[in-house]
Protein backbone atom coordinates (compact mmCIF):
# COMPACT_ATOMS: atom_id res chain seq x y z
CA MET A 1 -25.03 -56.25 -50.77
CA THR A 2 -26.89 -56.91 -54.02
CA THR A 3 -27.50 -60.60 -54.69
CA LEU A 4 -28.03 -62.56 -57.88
CA ALA A 5 -31.60 -63.25 -56.74
CA ASP A 6 -32.24 -59.48 -56.41
CA GLU A 7 -30.85 -58.76 -59.86
CA ALA A 8 -32.58 -61.70 -61.55
CA ALA A 9 -35.92 -60.62 -60.08
CA ALA A 10 -35.47 -56.95 -60.98
CA LEU A 11 -34.07 -57.38 -64.50
CA LEU A 12 -35.72 -60.60 -65.67
CA ASN A 13 -38.58 -61.38 -63.26
CA ILE A 14 -36.84 -64.68 -62.43
CA ARG A 15 -37.38 -65.84 -58.84
CA LEU A 16 -34.50 -67.87 -57.43
CA THR A 17 -34.99 -70.02 -54.35
CA ALA A 18 -32.55 -70.09 -51.46
CA GLY A 19 -31.37 -73.47 -52.73
CA GLN A 20 -30.71 -72.08 -56.19
CA GLU A 21 -28.81 -69.13 -54.72
CA ALA A 22 -26.67 -71.61 -52.76
CA ALA A 23 -26.02 -73.58 -55.96
CA PHE A 24 -24.75 -70.45 -57.69
CA ASP A 25 -22.46 -69.75 -54.73
CA VAL A 26 -20.97 -73.24 -55.05
CA TYR A 27 -20.62 -72.76 -58.82
CA ALA A 28 -18.73 -69.49 -58.29
CA ARG A 29 -16.43 -71.06 -55.72
CA GLU A 30 -15.61 -74.09 -57.87
CA LEU A 31 -15.05 -71.85 -60.89
CA SER A 32 -12.41 -69.94 -58.92
CA VAL A 33 -10.72 -73.12 -57.67
CA TRP A 34 -10.61 -74.84 -61.06
CA ASN A 35 -9.62 -71.67 -62.92
CA ALA A 36 -6.28 -71.80 -61.10
CA ARG A 37 -5.60 -75.13 -62.84
CA ILE A 38 -7.24 -74.76 -66.25
CA ASN A 39 -8.13 -71.62 -68.16
CA LEU A 40 -11.90 -71.24 -67.78
CA THR A 41 -12.51 -67.50 -67.54
CA ALA A 42 -10.73 -64.16 -67.40
CA ILE A 43 -13.49 -62.83 -65.15
CA THR A 44 -12.75 -63.98 -61.61
CA ASP A 45 -13.98 -61.28 -59.22
CA GLN A 46 -17.18 -62.03 -57.30
CA GLU A 47 -19.28 -59.25 -58.86
CA GLY A 48 -18.01 -59.99 -62.35
CA VAL A 49 -18.91 -63.68 -62.09
CA ARG A 50 -22.34 -62.84 -60.68
CA VAL A 51 -23.26 -60.23 -63.29
CA ARG A 52 -21.21 -60.99 -66.41
CA HIS A 53 -21.52 -64.76 -66.20
CA PHE A 54 -24.56 -65.80 -64.16
CA LEU A 55 -26.98 -62.91 -64.75
CA ASP A 56 -25.90 -62.53 -68.37
CA SER A 57 -26.62 -66.23 -68.94
CA LEU A 58 -30.10 -65.90 -67.45
CA THR A 59 -31.02 -63.14 -69.93
CA VAL A 60 -31.56 -65.89 -72.51
CA ALA A 61 -34.85 -66.62 -70.71
CA SER A 62 -36.15 -63.24 -71.93
CA VAL A 63 -36.15 -64.37 -75.58
CA VAL A 64 -36.87 -68.10 -75.53
CA PRO A 65 -39.50 -70.15 -73.64
CA VAL A 66 -38.04 -72.12 -70.73
CA THR A 67 -40.97 -74.48 -70.28
CA ALA A 68 -40.74 -77.84 -68.50
CA GLY A 69 -39.30 -80.53 -70.75
CA ALA A 70 -37.90 -78.08 -73.33
CA ARG A 71 -34.63 -79.30 -74.85
CA PHE A 72 -31.71 -76.87 -74.82
CA ILE A 73 -28.13 -77.23 -76.03
CA ASP A 74 -25.27 -74.85 -75.24
CA VAL A 75 -22.72 -74.99 -78.06
CA GLY A 76 -19.10 -74.38 -77.04
CA THR A 77 -20.21 -74.03 -73.43
CA GLY A 78 -16.70 -73.61 -71.97
CA ALA A 79 -17.17 -73.01 -68.25
CA GLY A 80 -20.91 -73.59 -68.64
CA PHE A 81 -22.22 -70.25 -69.88
CA PRO A 82 -25.05 -69.74 -70.60
CA GLY A 83 -26.32 -73.33 -70.28
CA LEU A 84 -25.57 -74.28 -66.68
CA PRO A 85 -26.96 -71.12 -65.02
CA LEU A 86 -30.16 -71.64 -67.01
CA LYS A 87 -30.34 -75.26 -65.87
CA ILE A 88 -29.88 -74.21 -62.24
CA ALA A 89 -32.58 -71.55 -62.52
CA PHE A 90 -34.98 -73.72 -64.56
CA PRO A 91 -34.41 -77.30 -63.37
CA ASP A 92 -37.26 -78.74 -65.44
CA ILE A 93 -35.58 -78.09 -68.79
CA HIS A 94 -33.20 -80.59 -70.39
CA MET A 95 -29.75 -79.10 -71.02
CA THR A 96 -26.96 -80.55 -73.16
CA LEU A 97 -23.54 -78.96 -72.62
CA LEU A 98 -21.47 -79.31 -75.81
CA GLU A 99 -17.74 -78.74 -75.50
CA ALA A 100 -14.74 -79.90 -77.55
CA THR A 101 -12.25 -79.60 -74.66
CA ASN A 102 -12.52 -82.53 -72.29
CA LYS A 103 -10.92 -80.69 -69.35
CA LYS A 104 -13.76 -78.19 -69.41
CA LEU A 105 -16.34 -80.98 -69.51
CA ASN A 106 -14.66 -82.54 -66.48
CA PHE A 107 -15.13 -79.23 -64.66
CA LEU A 108 -18.79 -79.13 -65.66
CA ARG A 109 -19.41 -82.69 -64.51
CA HIS A 110 -17.82 -81.82 -61.17
CA VAL A 111 -19.89 -78.65 -60.76
CA CYS A 112 -23.14 -80.38 -61.61
CA GLU A 113 -22.45 -82.99 -58.94
CA ALA A 114 -21.44 -80.30 -56.45
CA VAL A 115 -24.61 -78.25 -56.94
CA GLY A 116 -26.94 -81.25 -57.21
CA VAL A 117 -27.83 -80.82 -60.89
CA THR A 118 -27.74 -84.43 -62.02
CA ASN A 119 -31.10 -84.99 -63.76
CA GLY A 120 -31.86 -83.61 -67.20
CA VAL A 121 -28.29 -82.61 -68.03
CA ALA A 122 -26.04 -84.23 -70.63
CA PHE A 123 -22.39 -83.68 -71.54
CA LEU A 124 -21.35 -83.96 -75.18
CA HIS A 125 -17.64 -84.07 -76.04
CA ALA A 126 -17.61 -83.04 -79.70
CA ARG A 127 -16.97 -80.31 -82.23
CA ALA A 128 -20.12 -78.45 -83.18
CA GLU A 129 -19.70 -79.44 -86.83
CA ASP A 130 -19.68 -83.12 -85.86
CA ALA A 131 -22.57 -82.79 -83.40
CA GLY A 132 -24.78 -81.28 -86.10
CA GLN A 133 -24.40 -84.44 -88.17
CA MET A 134 -25.15 -86.86 -85.31
CA PRO A 135 -28.60 -88.44 -85.82
CA ASP A 136 -29.46 -88.17 -82.12
CA GLN A 137 -28.51 -84.48 -82.02
CA ARG A 138 -29.54 -83.07 -85.38
CA ALA A 139 -32.85 -81.16 -85.39
CA SER A 140 -33.41 -82.22 -81.77
CA TYR A 141 -33.50 -78.98 -79.78
CA ASP A 142 -36.06 -76.32 -78.94
CA ALA A 143 -33.30 -73.82 -78.18
CA VAL A 144 -29.66 -73.76 -79.32
CA LEU A 145 -27.42 -71.32 -77.46
CA ALA A 146 -23.91 -69.94 -77.87
CA ARG A 147 -21.83 -67.20 -76.29
CA ALA A 148 -18.58 -65.84 -77.74
CA VAL A 149 -17.95 -68.79 -80.06
CA ALA A 150 -17.65 -67.32 -83.58
CA ARG A 151 -18.95 -64.59 -85.87
CA LEU A 152 -22.59 -65.08 -86.69
CA PRO A 153 -22.29 -66.29 -90.34
CA VAL A 154 -20.01 -69.08 -89.05
CA LEU A 155 -21.93 -69.65 -85.82
CA LEU A 156 -25.25 -70.21 -87.57
CA GLU A 157 -23.78 -73.22 -89.36
CA TYR A 158 -23.02 -74.69 -85.93
CA LEU A 159 -26.40 -73.84 -84.39
CA LEU A 160 -29.20 -74.21 -86.95
CA PRO A 161 -28.60 -77.90 -87.81
CA LEU A 162 -29.19 -78.74 -84.13
CA ALA A 163 -32.49 -76.86 -83.86
CA LYS A 164 -35.93 -78.30 -84.52
CA VAL A 165 -38.06 -76.54 -87.11
CA GLY A 166 -39.84 -73.92 -85.03
CA GLY A 167 -36.99 -73.85 -82.51
CA ARG A 168 -34.80 -70.87 -81.76
CA CYS A 169 -31.07 -70.17 -81.88
CA ILE A 170 -29.73 -67.53 -79.50
CA ALA A 171 -26.32 -65.97 -80.12
CA MET A 172 -25.01 -63.82 -77.26
CA LYS A 173 -23.02 -60.97 -78.75
CA GLY A 174 -21.27 -57.69 -78.04
CA LYS A 175 -21.25 -54.42 -79.95
CA THR A 176 -20.87 -56.08 -83.38
CA ALA A 177 -24.21 -57.91 -83.05
CA GLN A 178 -26.18 -55.83 -85.54
CA GLU A 179 -23.39 -55.81 -88.11
CA GLU A 180 -22.99 -59.59 -87.80
CA ALA A 181 -26.73 -60.08 -88.19
CA GLU A 182 -26.74 -58.02 -91.37
CA ALA A 183 -23.82 -60.08 -92.71
CA SER A 184 -25.72 -63.34 -92.14
CA THR A 185 -28.42 -63.08 -94.82
CA ARG A 186 -26.83 -65.72 -97.04
CA ALA A 187 -26.16 -68.12 -94.15
CA LEU A 188 -29.73 -67.81 -92.88
CA LYS A 189 -31.15 -68.63 -96.31
CA ALA A 190 -28.83 -71.61 -96.82
CA LEU A 191 -29.42 -73.09 -93.37
CA GLY A 192 -33.18 -72.60 -92.99
CA GLY A 193 -33.16 -69.73 -90.52
CA ARG A 194 -34.97 -66.42 -90.13
CA LEU A 195 -33.71 -63.45 -88.13
CA VAL A 196 -36.29 -62.62 -85.47
CA GLY A 197 -34.42 -59.69 -83.99
CA VAL A 198 -31.50 -58.33 -82.02
CA GLU A 199 -32.44 -57.66 -78.41
CA THR A 200 -30.44 -55.26 -76.23
CA VAL A 201 -29.48 -56.29 -72.69
CA GLN A 202 -28.18 -53.73 -70.19
CA LEU A 203 -26.59 -55.46 -67.21
CA PRO A 204 -26.34 -53.56 -63.90
CA GLY A 205 -22.97 -51.88 -63.43
CA VAL A 206 -21.81 -52.79 -66.96
CA ASP A 207 -21.27 -49.85 -69.31
CA GLU A 208 -21.36 -51.69 -72.62
CA ALA A 209 -24.64 -53.20 -73.79
CA HIS A 210 -24.94 -56.91 -74.55
CA TYR A 211 -27.10 -58.29 -77.35
CA LEU A 212 -29.12 -61.42 -77.98
CA VAL A 213 -29.40 -62.31 -81.67
CA VAL A 214 -32.57 -64.38 -82.03
CA VAL A 215 -33.00 -66.70 -85.03
CA GLU A 216 -35.91 -69.03 -85.74
CA LYS A 217 -35.48 -72.32 -87.62
CA VAL A 218 -38.15 -72.17 -90.34
CA THR A 219 -37.17 -75.01 -92.70
CA PRO A 220 -34.99 -78.14 -92.32
CA THR A 221 -31.27 -77.59 -92.79
CA ALA A 222 -29.85 -79.20 -95.92
CA ALA A 223 -27.93 -82.43 -95.24
CA ALA A 224 -24.68 -80.86 -96.48
CA TYR A 225 -24.58 -78.64 -93.38
CA PRO A 226 -22.74 -78.38 -91.11
CA ARG A 227 -19.66 -78.98 -93.23
CA LYS A 228 -16.60 -80.78 -91.88
CA PRO A 229 -14.71 -79.27 -88.91
CA GLY A 230 -12.79 -76.15 -89.80
CA ILE A 231 -14.53 -75.47 -93.11
CA PRO A 232 -17.22 -73.08 -91.76
CA THR A 233 -14.49 -70.88 -90.27
CA LYS A 234 -12.30 -70.94 -93.37
CA SER A 235 -15.18 -70.48 -95.82
CA PRO A 236 -18.20 -68.82 -94.11
CA LEU A 237 -21.53 -68.96 -95.88
């Protein structure tokens, strides 16, 4: 049987220890248990969780440095993807898991305890628009991540205010990635970002390609952004 360690090594050159593999097993088990009580994921089969959640999350490491002490934030983390798999695989990074639904944060706190990830992880109960205006969060991160949160012109208003100048924002996208990137020219200019590229990811056993939209923060984001909750969605840049 193919393991996550096999696939991570083959696809991404990431070497997982036996302890890390065990942590992912616990994560998968707790995800299944909690998903019966609160809606965390539609993907529940063992292979789907391994490939479409865990391995997919780890692909972020192919486009952003995961050096010791680097500060990451996962915006709208939900069941922890991509932030928690990255934290398990790279324990020396600092990971903030940002989520507006407290039930999901309770799940994440439980999982982190269960897998022994207790250092260098923070839980932030907030809307992304509010987090971007918090002095201790704004312009604080080397990497700002999001998966399946919003279309890119909206999403960039959530992500770029949190990134340091020189930091990167990574948006995990499906087949509309290139079109969304092309529609984001105005948002990038307004928020201080530059499109680095759209990287294709082909996961084993998955027909459709996944994409990583990579944006660099090149200038500080104007104080007006992010706007108040709800406004970016109603009136995208």
